[in-house]
Amino acid sequence: MAAGFLQRERIVAPPGWSRWLIPPAALSIHLAIGQAYAWSVFKTPLADTILAGNPSAGVLSALPFTLGIIMLGLSAALFGTKVDANGPRWAMVVASSCFVAGFLISAAGMYLGQYWLVIVGYGFVGGIGLGVGYISPVSTLIKWFPDRPGLSTGIAIMGFGGGALIATPLTTSLLGAFGGSGDGAQAAGIGQTFLVMGLIYAVFMSVGWLLIRVPAPDWKPEGFQPEKQKTGSLISTANVSASNAIKTPQFWLLWVVLCFNVTAGIGILERASPIFQDFFKDSSPAETIAASAAGFVAILSLANALGRILWSSLSDVLGRKNMYRIYLGVGALLYLLITLTTNTNRAVFLISALFILSFYGAGFATVPAYLRDLFGTYQVGAIHGRLLTAWSTAGVLGPVIVNAIADAQIAAGVEGPGRYTLAFSIMIGLLVVAFVCNELIRPVNEKFHETETTDSATAGAQA
């Protein structure tokens, strides 16, 4: 009986298939779901239309994004093993369907004047698409690039970080064209924007699941010799199942590392524009500072995207543990530098913030390769999915720390950089804790290894 269109057996690459066709397939998914980072463009139009007059408009306008990030982690953890079992095409189709459906449900909510549909559509249904779409290409890339896992995952996850660079101007343009923003903004204009974006992403993401392939079980890159890996390193040639991985201290140490690294990055990213304006509001006219703050947000997004490919690629040379020493140790020192120098030197502030955000993005891109080193390729997608619950936690923890402390300082009448001194000090402490956890990571005990090498198809059947 012939394999179904979505089954793994249908997409085994024939001899001679170029592995360099796989990164574009992954990018088509990650560039689309990376739209989540551009959600802030919708916040003001929503507050001016369907949420107009609601005293909780600020919180409610952020709720679809917050729920989406929570669902990203939960769905990645819940469906990670199924992604490994059914293969990347199945996962990409599910991700595309959920992500696009989220936009369409949100469009219906705006047309009907029911904001809860936007929360359910974009946050819940679309969030499932985020989680499945995030992990679906990563394990495939690792299998195609066992010699350069940092580079391969960096390329894909760079797309998630850079998705906002495409989505922000697209959303702004559509909102303006349909009357969903500015003076006299209409809810129907936002609904049309959701609808058109959903249709655009449906076409764009289809490229990924049509192009994706998995390597044959006996395939390996020309000249690649896994048995010659460095002695004494964390790189393992054995495999660990997802169910066993979560029983190891290595998994939970890495969970803390990712969670606190993300928390520290979100500490600046989530409140970037207000932070910049609070630091430098006395140095220039208000209009100039507002424009500079917008530029600050844009270059932070660029640093986030570039850090994912540049630092992750460097991890193939320096090793994953050494790179996290840089992300966490240097990141803590840069936060300390900002805290001590405050607004006395704008160049120091900008450079420090750019590096912190590049480390934030790099942490996402490097962690799949770190997992591969520790647990092998057997069920790395499922393990990665479970680890992404750290991102969901950080997605709540980071904004709560920074916003709650800043709001309390504002209520107390504190001005300027002083609003963030305590929050940034907490970030330094979290990075130090994560640095210690990274130092404690050792090779996985042999008792957790699979008894025999199993290819991806067998792993899926067993799962």
Foldseek 3Di string as FASTA:
>chain_A
DDDDPQAQVNFADDPPDDPVLLLLLLLLLQLLLLLLLQLVLCLVLCCVELVPPPPCSNVLSCLLSLLLLLLLLVLLQVCLLVLLQRALLNLLVQLLVQLLQLLLQCLVCLVVSNNVSNSCSSRPSNSSSNNSSLLSSLLQQCQQCVLQSLQSLLSNLLSSLCSNVVNNVLLVVQQVVQQSDDPPHYSNSNSVSSNVSSVVSSVSSVSNSVRDHHYDQPDDDPPDDVVPDDPFDLADPFAFDLVLVVVFLQLVLLLLLLLLLLLLLCLCLVCVLVQQCLQCVPPDPPVVSNVVSVVLNVLLSVLLSVLSNVLSSCCSVVNLLVSSLCLLVVLLVLLVVCLVCRNVDVVSVSVSSSSSSSSNNNSLSNVLVVLCRQHNSQSSSNSNSNSSSSSSVSSVVNCCLLVVQLVVCVVVVDGGPVSCNVSSVVSSVSSVSSNVSSVPDGHTDPVRTDPDDDGSNVSSVVD
